[in-house]
Amino acid sequence: MTHLVSIVIPTYNRANLIAATIASLQQQTYPYIEIIVVDDQSTDNTAAVVESMLKLDNRIQYHLRPNTKPKGANACRNFGLEITKGDFVKWIDSDDLLSADAIQIQLNAIIKEKADLCICKTSIFTEDNKLNPFKDWGDMNRHATPTGFIIDGFRFHTCSGLWKKSFFGSIYPWDEEQMNSQEWLMHFQQLCKGVNIVKCNEYLSFARYHNNNMSNRSNKKGKYYFNECTARIKGITFAKQCKIKSYRLYHKLTKQLFWYFLFVVYKGSPLLAFRLLPKLFINVIYLFPPLKSPAAA
């Protein structure tokens, strides 16, 4: 049975990089794909680059983020999901790459194991060090559980995942208010929901590292840490809603929240810190051991 795989690419001012990303998708050995580019209303010639490619490949689509959606990659990702026609969906940033057999290998695995998500290894690369398979992004060898994610450091890159579209139902998985730490929040929330994961122990996706990455140290201002805080607050709230019973998990999340709050202050953003204070006080109780700690989940 043939399955259509939808690949969603949010982009903004990536005219110099997006052609390479799309080319890596065009070279897939699995041909039944749709490539959906959602442009966050770029001011460079991203549109011209994509439109020149879609004229030669009818699997490519180009869409502007609707004005009814807030600015940001998350809104583009959600809009892309909304218009997909495939049974499976992969999100890839407009500066990342896939190996030619990535979709075929991941699709075979997710169908064989009847999983909701297939993840693969991701390697970091730069312009000077392309496709180095020895610099991993994240650690997918840990337990794929909420506690494994928070306590043990289980991680996978956005471009690593191939998702069964029906897993999300009618819920948009990307928080459109988050300017960073959105991947962290999205993945943690799906783990709390109980996503069934199969792992491919191969390097099939490649994450480009450059100066414009939000995770680059020079880009970490007060607002960056404010978003780290809001992601932890939302993570704690969502875990409670999913009835995750792990004192260690909540304790670790609250410690992270506290330290990120201090960085908001340190980075000279007192107004942002003031906005966080009520939530900080509500959650700080998890920093202290209870009289009887619940068993870890």
C-alpha atoms as a PDB file:
ATOM      1  CA  MET A   1       0.000   0.000   0.000  1.00  0.00           C
ATOM      2  CA  THR A   2       1.324   3.434  -0.944  1.00  0.00           C
ATOM      3  CA  HIS A   3       1.320   6.116   1.735  1.00  0.00           C
ATOM      4  CA  LEU A   4       1.730   9.818   1.044  1.00  0.00           C
ATOM      5  CA  VAL A   5       4.293  11.457   3.344  1.00  0.00           C
ATOM      6  CA  SER A   6       3.943  15.190   3.958  1.00  0.00           C
ATOM      7  CA  ILE A   7       7.097  17.188   4.688  1.00  0.00           C
ATOM      8  CA  VAL A   8       6.490  20.646   6.169  1.00  0.00           C
ATOM      9  CA  ILE A   9       9.199  23.316   5.983  1.00  0.00           C
ATOM     10  CA  PRO A  10       8.682  26.562   7.901  1.00  0.00           C
ATOM     11  CA  THR A  11      10.990  29.277   6.612  1.00  0.00           C
ATOM     12  CA  TYR A  12      11.940  32.911   7.001  1.00  0.00           C
ATOM     13  CA  ASN A  13      14.643  34.673   4.961  1.00  0.00           C
ATOM     14  CA  ARG A  14      16.456  31.477   4.039  1.00  0.00           C
ATOM     15  CA  ALA A  15      16.946  32.115   0.328  1.00  0.00           C
ATOM     16  CA  ASN A  16      20.593  31.107   0.664  1.00  0.00           C
ATOM     17  CA  LEU A  17      19.856  27.745   2.328  1.00  0.00           C
ATOM     18  CA  ILE A  18      16.390  26.459   1.490  1.00  0.00           C
ATOM     19  CA  ALA A  19      17.290  25.161  -1.987  1.00  0.00           C
ATOM     20  CA  ALA A  20      19.695  22.639  -0.466  1.00  0.00           C
ATOM     21  CA  THR A  21      17.034  21.504   2.001  1.00  0.00           C
ATOM     22  CA  ILE A  22      14.434  21.006  -0.728  1.00  0.00           C
ATOM     23  CA  ALA A  23      16.986  19.239  -2.946  1.00  0.00           C
ATOM     24  CA  SER A  24      17.651  16.693  -0.181  1.00  0.00           C
ATOM     25  CA  LEU A  25      13.908  15.947  -0.174  1.00  0.00           C
ATOM     26  CA  GLN A  26      13.654  15.710  -3.952  1.00  0.00           C
ATOM     27  CA  GLN A  27      16.373  13.055  -3.855  1.00  0.00           C
ATOM     28  CA  GLN A  28      14.393  10.753  -1.579  1.00  0.00           C
ATOM     29  CA  THR A  29      14.241   7.144  -2.737  1.00  0.00           C
ATOM     30  CA  TYR A  30      10.615   7.106  -1.581  1.00  0.00           C
ATOM     31  CA  PRO A  31       8.849   9.212  -4.223  1.00  0.00           C
ATOM     32  CA  TYR A  32       5.363   9.597  -2.728  1.00  0.00           C
ATOM     33  CA  ILE A  33       5.910  12.826  -0.847  1.00  0.00           C
ATOM     34  CA  GLU A  34       4.549  16.346  -0.799  1.00  0.00           C
ATOM     35  CA  ILE A  35       6.912  19.165   0.148  1.00  0.00           C
ATOM     36  CA  ILE A  36       5.028  22.016   1.797  1.00  0.00           C
ATOM     37  CA  VAL A  37       6.978  25.241   2.299  1.00  0.00           C
ATOM     38  CA  VAL A  38       5.261  27.725   4.628  1.00  0.00           C
ATOM     39  CA  ASP A  39       6.936  31.115   4.448  1.00  0.00           C
ATOM     40  CA  ASP A  40       6.705  33.359   7.521  1.00  0.00           C
ATOM     41  CA  GLN A  41       6.442  36.274   5.067  1.00  0.00           C
ATOM     42  CA  SER A  42      10.136  36.570   4.200  1.00  0.00           C
ATOM     43  CA  THR A  43      11.626  39.869   3.059  1.00  0.00           C
ATOM     44  CA  ASP A  44      14.365  38.315   0.922  1.00  0.00           C
ATOM     45  CA  ASN A  45      13.952  36.297  -2.304  1.00  0.00           C
ATOM     46  CA  THR A  46      12.966  33.014  -0.594  1.00  0.00           C
ATOM     47  CA  ALA A  47       9.742  32.989  -2.628  1.00  0.00           C
ATOM     48  CA  ALA A  48      11.626  33.239  -5.924  1.00  0.00           C
ATOM     49  CA  VAL A  49      13.965  30.381  -4.983  1.00  0.00           C
ATOM     50  CA  VAL A  50      11.114  28.051  -4.031  1.00  0.00           C
ATOM     51  CA  GLU A  51       8.927  28.996  -6.981  1.00  0.00           C
ATOM     52  CA  SER A  52      11.752  28.261  -9.414  1.00  0.00           C
ATOM     53  CA  MET A  53      11.989  24.752  -7.948  1.00  0.00           C
ATOM     54  CA  LEU A  54       8.257  24.001  -7.832  1.00  0.00           C
ATOM     55  CA  LYS A  55       7.959  24.751 -11.552  1.00  0.00           C
ATOM     56  CA  LEU A  56      10.100  21.656 -12.125  1.00  0.00           C
ATOM     57  CA  ASP A  57       8.601  19.436  -9.408  1.00  0.00           C
ATOM     58  CA  ASN A  58       4.858  19.317  -8.764  1.00  0.00           C
ATOM     59  CA  ARG A  59       5.432  17.735  -5.339  1.00  0.00           C
ATOM     60  CA  ILE A  60       6.515  21.148  -4.019  1.00  0.00           C
ATOM     61  CA  GLN A  61       4.034  23.684  -2.672  1.00  0.00           C
ATOM     62  CA  TYR A  62       4.673  27.253  -1.552  1.00  0.00           C
ATOM     63  CA  HIS A  63       2.395  29.025   0.926  1.00  0.00           C
ATOM     64  CA  LEU A  64       2.627  32.279   2.837  1.00  0.00           C
ATOM     65  CA  ARG A  65       1.688  32.166   6.495  1.00  0.00           C
ATOM     66  CA  PRO A  66      -1.885  33.513   6.656  1.00  0.00           C
ATOM     67  CA  ASN A  67      -2.252  36.901   8.316  1.00  0.00           C
ATOM     68  CA  THR A  68      -4.748  35.295  10.689  1.00  0.00           C
ATOM     69  CA  LYS A  69      -1.861  33.281  12.152  1.00  0.00           C
ATOM     70  CA  PRO A  70       0.745  34.845  14.498  1.00  0.00           C
ATOM     71  CA  LYS A  71       4.267  35.316  13.230  1.00  0.00           C
ATOM     72  CA  GLY A  72       6.695  32.506  13.948  1.00  0.00           C
ATOM     73  CA  ALA A  73       7.829  29.037  12.902  1.00  0.00           C
ATOM     74  CA  ASN A  74       5.273  27.305  15.124  1.00  0.00           C
ATOM     75  CA  ALA A  75       2.323  28.930  13.373  1.00  0.00           C
ATOM     76  CA  CYS A  76       3.880  27.905  10.058  1.00  0.00           C
ATOM     77  CA  ARG A  77       4.297  24.323  11.287  1.00  0.00           C
ATOM     78  CA  ASN A  78       0.678  24.135  12.452  1.00  0.00           C
ATOM     79  CA  PHE A  79      -0.632  25.672   9.229  1.00  0.00           C
ATOM     80  CA  GLY A  80       1.483  23.222   7.237  1.00  0.00           C
ATOM     81  CA  LEU A  81      -0.009  20.316   9.193  1.00  0.00           C
ATOM     82  CA  GLU A  82      -3.501  21.677   8.567  1.00  0.00           C
ATOM     83  CA  ILE A  83      -3.123  21.557   4.782  1.00  0.00           C
ATOM     84  CA  THR A  84      -1.236  18.255   4.531  1.00  0.00           C
ATOM     85  CA  LYS A  85      -2.821  15.364   2.663  1.00  0.00           C
ATOM     86  CA  GLY A  86      -0.446  12.619   3.781  1.00  0.00           C
ATOM     87  CA  ASP A  87      -0.869   9.820   6.306  1.00  0.00           C
ATOM     88  CA  PHE A  88       2.490  10.722   7.833  1.00  0.00           C
ATOM     89  CA  VAL A  89       4.160  14.053   8.489  1.00  0.00           C
ATOM     90  CA  LYS A  90       7.715  15.232   9.032  1.00  0.00           C
ATOM     91  CA  TRP A  91       8.771  18.745  10.016  1.00  0.00           C
ATOM     92  CA  ILE A  92      12.177  19.902   8.831  1.00  0.00           C
ATOM     93  CA  ASP A  93      13.684  23.360   9.208  1.00  0.00           C
ATOM     94  CA  SER A  94      14.741  25.250   6.101  1.00  0.00           C
ATOM     95  CA  ASP A  95      18.449  24.844   6.877  1.00  0.00           C
ATOM     96  CA  ASP A  96      18.506  21.090   7.604  1.00  0.00           C
ATOM     97  CA  LEU A  97      18.992  18.040   5.372  1.00  0.00           C
ATOM     98  CA  LEU A  98      17.841  14.420   5.072  1.00  0.00           C
ATOM     99  CA  SER A  99      19.728  11.452   3.709  1.00  0.00           C
ATOM    100  CA  ALA A 100      18.288  10.105   0.454  1.00  0.00           C
ATOM    101  CA  ASP A 101      16.809   6.997   2.111  1.00  0.00           C
ATOM    102  CA  ALA A 102      15.474   8.707   5.262  1.00  0.00           C
ATOM    103  CA  ILE A 103      11.764   8.624   4.412  1.00  0.00           C
ATOM    104  CA  GLN A 104      11.857   5.064   3.081  1.00  0.00           C
ATOM    105  CA  ILE A 105      13.652   3.684   6.159  1.00  0.00           C
ATOM    106  CA  GLN A 106      11.521   5.566   8.683  1.00  0.00           C
ATOM    107  CA  LEU A 107       8.255   4.782   6.910  1.00  0.00           C
ATOM    108  CA  ASN A 108       9.066   1.051   6.800  1.00  0.00           C
ATOM    109  CA  ALA A 109       9.878   1.094  10.526  1.00  0.00           C
ATOM    110  CA  ILE A 110       6.807   3.033  11.659  1.00  0.00           C
ATOM    111  CA  ILE A 111       4.466   0.788   9.653  1.00  0.00           C
ATOM    112  CA  LYS A 112       6.153  -2.449  10.712  1.00  0.00           C
ATOM    113  CA  GLU A 113       6.025  -1.561  14.417  1.00  0.00           C
ATOM    114  CA  LYS A 114       2.601   0.121  14.181  1.00  0.00           C
ATOM    115  CA  ALA A 115       4.126   3.130  15.924  1.00  0.00           C
ATOM    116  CA  ASP A 116       3.040   6.765  16.171  1.00  0.00           C
ATOM    117  CA  LEU A 117       6.533   8.152  15.692  1.00  0.00           C
ATOM    118  CA  CYS A 118       9.821   7.006  14.204  1.00  0.00           C
ATOM    119  CA  ILE A 119      12.988   8.826  15.240  1.00  0.00           C
ATOM    120  CA  CYS A 120      16.474   8.527  13.808  1.00  0.00           C
ATOM    121  CA  LYS A 121      19.914   9.810  14.741  1.00  0.00           C
ATOM    122  CA  THR A 122      20.687  13.419  13.844  1.00  0.00           C
ATOM    123  CA  SER A 123      24.167  14.753  13.177  1.00  0.00           C
ATOM    124  CA  ILE A 124      25.190  18.399  13.527  1.00  0.00           C
ATOM    125  CA  PHE A 125      27.001  19.953  10.591  1.00  0.00           C
ATOM    126  CA  THR A 126      28.389  23.357   9.660  1.00  0.00           C
ATOM    127  CA  GLU A 127      29.622  24.924   6.434  1.00  0.00           C
ATOM    128  CA  ASP A 128      33.186  23.914   7.381  1.00  0.00           C
ATOM    129  CA  ASN A 129      32.304  20.437   8.653  1.00  0.00           C
ATOM    130  CA  LYS A 130      29.540  18.982   6.537  1.00  0.00           C
ATOM    131  CA  LEU A 131      27.707  15.807   7.493  1.00  0.00           C
ATOM    132  CA  ASN A 132      29.968  14.741  10.357  1.00  0.00           C
ATOM    133  CA  PRO A 133      28.328  11.549  11.702  1.00  0.00           C
ATOM    134  CA  PHE A 134      30.218  11.774  14.981  1.00  0.00           C
ATOM    135  CA  LYS A 135      28.606  14.964  16.337  1.00  0.00           C
ATOM    136  CA  ASP A 136      25.193  13.867  17.543  1.00  0.00           C
ATOM    137  CA  TRP A 137      22.335  16.245  18.163  1.00  0.00           C
ATOM    138  CA  GLY A 138      20.624  14.924  21.292  1.00  0.00           C
ATOM    139  CA  ASP A 139      20.590  11.444  22.809  1.00  0.00           C
ATOM    140  CA  MET A 140      17.869   9.070  21.617  1.00  0.00           C
ATOM    141  CA  ASN A 141      19.357   6.074  23.421  1.00  0.00           C
ATOM    142  CA  ARG A 142      17.728   6.997  26.738  1.00  0.00           C
ATOM    143  CA  HIS A 143      14.252   5.864  27.754  1.00  0.00           C
ATOM    144  CA  ALA A 144      11.576   7.501  25.605  1.00  0.00           C
ATOM    145  CA  THR A 145       9.346   8.495  28.521  1.00  0.00           C
ATOM    146  CA  PRO A 146       8.523  11.796  30.251  1.00  0.00           C
ATOM    147  CA  THR A 147      10.979  11.006  33.056  1.00  0.00           C
ATOM    148  CA  GLY A 148      13.588   9.844  30.521  1.00  0.00           C
ATOM    149  CA  PHE A 149      13.190  13.173  28.749  1.00  0.00           C
ATOM    150  CA  ILE A 150      13.449  15.355  31.873  1.00  0.00           C
ATOM    151  CA  ILE A 151      15.749  13.308  34.123  1.00  0.00           C
ATOM    152  CA  ASP A 152      17.961  11.279  31.773  1.00  0.00           C
ATOM    153  CA  GLY A 153      18.248  13.623  28.797  1.00  0.00           C
ATOM    154  CA  PHE A 154      16.381  11.691  26.080  1.00  0.00           C
ATOM    155  CA  ARG A 155      16.294  14.021  23.077  1.00  0.00           C
ATOM    156  CA  PHE A 156      15.599  13.941  19.345  1.00  0.00           C
ATOM    157  CA  HIS A 157      15.749  16.725  16.793  1.00  0.00           C
ATOM    158  CA  THR A 158      12.640  18.022  15.039  1.00  0.00           C
ATOM    159  CA  CYS A 159      13.885  16.798  11.643  1.00  0.00           C
ATOM    160  CA  SER A 160      14.503  13.365  13.195  1.00  0.00           C
ATOM    161  CA  GLY A 161      10.828  12.530  13.628  1.00  0.00           C
ATOM    162  CA  LEU A 162       8.382  10.967  11.208  1.00  0.00           C
ATOM    163  CA  TRP A 163       4.918  11.139  12.768  1.00  0.00           C
ATOM    164  CA  LYS A 164       1.679   9.326  12.120  1.00  0.00           C
ATOM    165  CA  LYS A 165      -0.582  12.263  11.337  1.00  0.00           C
ATOM    166  CA  SER A 166      -3.640  10.763  13.020  1.00  0.00           C
ATOM    167  CA  PHE A 167      -1.819  10.781  16.386  1.00  0.00           C
ATOM    168  CA  PHE A 168      -2.419  14.520  16.690  1.00  0.00           C
ATOM    169  CA  GLY A 169      -6.134  14.348  15.937  1.00  0.00           C
ATOM    170  CA  SER A 170      -7.538  17.870  15.658  1.00  0.00           C
ATOM    171  CA  ILE A 171      -5.026  19.366  18.114  1.00  0.00           C
ATOM    172  CA  TYR A 172      -2.244  21.629  16.853  1.00  0.00           C
ATOM    173  CA  PRO A 173       0.961  20.267  18.471  1.00  0.00           C
ATOM    174  CA  TRP A 174       3.077  23.424  18.204  1.00  0.00           C
ATOM    175  CA  ASP A 175       2.580  26.179  20.788  1.00  0.00           C
ATOM    176  CA  GLU A 176       2.347  29.377  18.741  1.00  0.00           C
ATOM    177  CA  GLU A 177       3.234  31.582  21.724  1.00  0.00           C
ATOM    178  CA  GLN A 178       6.664  29.976  22.191  1.00  0.00           C
ATOM    179  CA  MET A 179       9.515  31.787  20.436  1.00  0.00           C
ATOM    180  CA  ASN A 180      12.087  29.187  21.510  1.00  0.00           C
ATOM    181  CA  SER A 181      12.080  25.918  23.477  1.00  0.00           C
ATOM    182  CA  GLN A 182       9.102  25.010  21.286  1.00  0.00           C
ATOM    183  CA  GLU A 183      10.602  21.704  20.154  1.00  0.00           C
ATOM    184  CA  TRP A 184      11.360  20.821  23.786  1.00  0.00           C
ATOM    185  CA  LEU A 185       7.759  21.545  24.791  1.00  0.00           C
ATOM    186  CA  MET A 186       6.171  19.787  21.830  1.00  0.00           C
ATOM    187  CA  HIS A 187       8.195  16.607  22.304  1.00  0.00           C
ATOM    188  CA  PHE A 188       7.660  16.520  26.068  1.00  0.00           C
ATOM    189  CA  GLN A 189       3.904  16.952  25.671  1.00  0.00           C
ATOM    190  CA  GLN A 190       3.662  14.095  23.162  1.00  0.00           C
ATOM    191  CA  LEU A 191       5.651  11.853  25.522  1.00  0.00           C
ATOM    192  CA  CYS A 192       3.204  12.734  28.306  1.00  0.00           C
ATOM    193  CA  LYS A 193       0.341  11.715  26.011  1.00  0.00           C
ATOM    194  CA  GLY A 194       1.996   8.317  25.544  1.00  0.00           C
ATOM    195  CA  VAL A 195       3.348   8.423  22.002  1.00  0.00           C
ATOM    196  CA  ASN A 196       4.467   4.992  20.780  1.00  0.00           C
ATOM    197  CA  ILE A 197       8.023   5.361  19.421  1.00  0.00           C
ATOM    198  CA  VAL A 198      10.222   3.205  17.211  1.00  0.00           C
ATOM    199  CA  LYS A 199      13.904   4.132  16.884  1.00  0.00           C
ATOM    200  CA  CYS A 200      16.114   3.875  13.798  1.00  0.00           C
ATOM    201  CA  ASN A 201      19.726   3.657  14.899  1.00  0.00           C
ATOM    202  CA  GLU A 202      21.005   5.410  11.765  1.00  0.00           C
ATOM    203  CA  TYR A 203      22.045   8.947  10.832  1.00  0.00           C
ATOM    204  CA  LEU A 204      19.227   9.981   8.509  1.00  0.00           C
ATOM    205  CA  SER A 205      18.855  13.680   9.390  1.00  0.00           C
ATOM    206  CA  PHE A 206      21.396  16.485   9.591  1.00  0.00           C
ATOM    207  CA  ALA A 207      20.947  19.725  11.557  1.00  0.00           C
ATOM    208  CA  ARG A 208      22.843  22.757  10.360  1.00  0.00           C
ATOM    209  CA  TYR A 209      24.530  24.867  13.059  1.00  0.00           C
ATOM    210  CA  HIS A 210      25.202  28.524  12.262  1.00  0.00           C
ATOM    211  CA  ASN A 211      25.211  31.943  13.901  1.00  0.00           C
ATOM    212  CA  ASN A 212      21.489  32.515  13.330  1.00  0.00           C
ATOM    213  CA  ASN A 213      20.414  29.491  15.393  1.00  0.00           C
ATOM    214  CA  MET A 214      18.337  30.530  18.409  1.00  0.00           C
ATOM    215  CA  SER A 215      20.421  28.146  20.536  1.00  0.00           C
ATOM    216  CA  ASN A 216      23.606  29.974  19.655  1.00  0.00           C
ATOM    217  CA  ARG A 217      25.003  31.458  22.867  1.00  0.00           C
ATOM    218  CA  SER A 218      25.194  34.990  21.453  1.00  0.00           C
ATOM    219  CA  ASN A 219      21.426  34.916  20.781  1.00  0.00           C
ATOM    220  CA  LYS A 220      20.460  34.065  24.358  1.00  0.00           C
ATOM    221  CA  LYS A 221      18.988  37.268  25.742  1.00  0.00           C
ATOM    222  CA  GLY A 222      16.451  37.804  28.507  1.00  0.00           C
ATOM    223  CA  LYS A 223      13.538  36.951  26.238  1.00  0.00           C
ATOM    224  CA  TYR A 224      15.194  33.649  25.328  1.00  0.00           C
ATOM    225  CA  TYR A 225      15.248  32.588  28.980  1.00  0.00           C
ATOM    226  CA  PHE A 226      11.727  33.943  29.500  1.00  0.00           C
ATOM    227  CA  ASN A 227      10.549  31.466  26.860  1.00  0.00           C
ATOM    228  CA  GLU A 228      12.556  28.714  28.544  1.00  0.00           C
ATOM    229  CA  CYS A 229      10.586  29.535  31.702  1.00  0.00           C
ATOM    230  CA  THR A 230       7.182  29.574  30.023  1.00  0.00           C
ATOM    231  CA  ALA A 231       7.936  26.232  28.353  1.00  0.00           C
ATOM    232  CA  ARG A 232       8.695  24.670  31.767  1.00  0.00           C
ATOM    233  CA  ILE A 233       5.538  26.135  33.288  1.00  0.00           C
ATOM    234  CA  LYS A 234       3.466  24.725  30.428  1.00  0.00           C
ATOM    235  CA  GLY A 235       5.322  21.422  30.711  1.00  0.00           C
ATOM    236  CA  ILE A 236       4.503  21.111  34.423  1.00  0.00           C
ATOM    237  CA  THR A 237       0.848  21.975  33.779  1.00  0.00           C
ATOM    238  CA  PHE A 238       0.540  19.489  30.912  1.00  0.00           C
ATOM    239  CA  ALA A 239       2.207  16.678  32.891  1.00  0.00           C
ATOM    240  CA  LYS A 240      -0.305  17.228  35.700  1.00  0.00           C
ATOM    241  CA  GLN A 241      -3.177  17.093  33.211  1.00  0.00           C
ATOM    242  CA  CYS A 242      -1.824  13.778  31.903  1.00  0.00           C
ATOM    243  CA  LYS A 243      -1.570  12.520  35.512  1.00  0.00           C
ATOM    244  CA  ILE A 244       2.178  11.922  35.329  1.00  0.00           C
ATOM    245  CA  LYS A 245       3.179  10.828  38.843  1.00  0.00           C
ATOM    246  CA  SER A 246       6.869  11.493  39.281  1.00  0.00           C
ATOM    247  CA  TYR A 247       8.150  13.769  42.021  1.00  0.00           C
ATOM    248  CA  ARG A 248      11.637  13.692  40.456  1.00  0.00           C
ATOM    249  CA  LEU A 249      10.244  14.960  37.163  1.00  0.00           C
ATOM    250  CA  TYR A 250       8.409  17.907  38.739  1.00  0.00           C
ATOM    251  CA  HIS A 251      11.376  18.686  40.979  1.00  0.00           C
ATOM    252  CA  LYS A 252      13.759  18.814  38.004  1.00  0.00           C
ATOM    253  CA  LEU A 253      11.380  20.949  35.935  1.00  0.00           C
ATOM    254  CA  THR A 254      10.928  23.403  38.787  1.00  0.00           C
ATOM    255  CA  LYS A 255      14.685  23.675  39.343  1.00  0.00           C
ATOM    256  CA  GLN A 256      15.091  24.459  35.659  1.00  0.00           C
ATOM    257  CA  LEU A 257      12.316  27.045  35.911  1.00  0.00           C
ATOM    258  CA  PHE A 258      14.023  28.688  38.884  1.00  0.00           C
ATOM    259  CA  TRP A 259      17.446  28.875  37.203  1.00  0.00           C
ATOM    260  CA  TYR A 260      16.046  30.197  33.932  1.00  0.00           C
ATOM    261  CA  PHE A 261      14.151  32.821  35.938  1.00  0.00           C
ATOM    262  CA  LEU A 262      17.450  33.955  37.476  1.00  0.00           C
ATOM    263  CA  PHE A 263      18.919  34.272  33.964  1.00  0.00           C
ATOM    264  CA  VAL A 264      15.976  36.452  32.918  1.00  0.00           C
ATOM    265  CA  VAL A 265      16.910  38.788  35.776  1.00  0.00           C
ATOM    266  CA  TYR A 266      20.652  38.518  35.075  1.00  0.00           C
ATOM    267  CA  LYS A 267      20.115  39.385  31.410  1.00  0.00           C
ATOM    268  CA  GLY A 268      18.465  42.650  32.443  1.00  0.00           C
ATOM    269  CA  SER A 269      14.797  41.900  31.755  1.00  0.00           C
ATOM    270  CA  PRO A 270      13.016  42.848  35.013  1.00  0.00           C
ATOM    271  CA  LEU A 271       9.603  43.324  33.379  1.00  0.00           C
ATOM    272  CA  LEU A 272       9.708  39.804  31.960  1.00  0.00           C
ATOM    273  CA  ALA A 273      10.831  38.489  35.339  1.00  0.00           C
ATOM    274  CA  PHE A 274       7.914  40.261  37.023  1.00  0.00           C
ATOM    275  CA  ARG A 275       5.479  38.528  34.635  1.00  0.00           C
ATOM    276  CA  LEU A 276       6.887  35.156  35.704  1.00  0.00           C
ATOM    277  CA  LEU A 277       6.748  35.703  39.484  1.00  0.00           C
ATOM    278  CA  PRO A 278       3.192  34.380  40.128  1.00  0.00           C
ATOM    279  CA  LYS A 279       3.870  31.121  38.241  1.00  0.00           C
ATOM    280  CA  LEU A 280       7.252  30.796  39.927  1.00  0.00           C
ATOM    281  CA  PHE A 281       5.687  30.963  43.392  1.00  0.00           C
ATOM    282  CA  ILE A 282       2.970  28.479  42.437  1.00  0.00           C
ATOM    283  CA  ASN A 283       5.503  25.898  41.229  1.00  0.00           C
ATOM    284  CA  VAL A 284       8.355  26.432  43.708  1.00  0.00           C
ATOM    285  CA  ILE A 285       6.821  23.923  46.139  1.00  0.00           C
ATOM    286  CA  TYR A 286       8.224  21.132  43.960  1.00  0.00           C
ATOM    287  CA  LEU A 287      11.761  22.226  44.875  1.00  0.00           C
ATOM    288  CA  PHE A 288      11.241  20.849  48.375  1.00  0.00           C
ATOM    289  CA  PRO A 289      10.938  17.140  49.225  1.00  0.00           C
ATOM    290  CA  PRO A 290       7.467  16.045  50.289  1.00  0.00           C
ATOM    291  CA  LEU A 291       6.957  14.128  53.527  1.00  0.00           C
ATOM    292  CA  LYS A 292       6.283  11.030  51.452  1.00  0.00           C
ATOM    293  CA  SER A 293       7.629  11.196  47.929  1.00  0.00           C
ATOM    294  CA  PRO A 294       5.361   9.567  45.336  1.00  0.00           C
ATOM    295  CA  ALA A 295       6.929   6.686  43.456  1.00  0.00           C
ATOM    296  CA  ALA A 296       8.627   7.820  40.260  1.00  0.00           C
ATOM    297  CA  ALA A 297       6.696   7.111  37.132  1.00  0.00           C
END
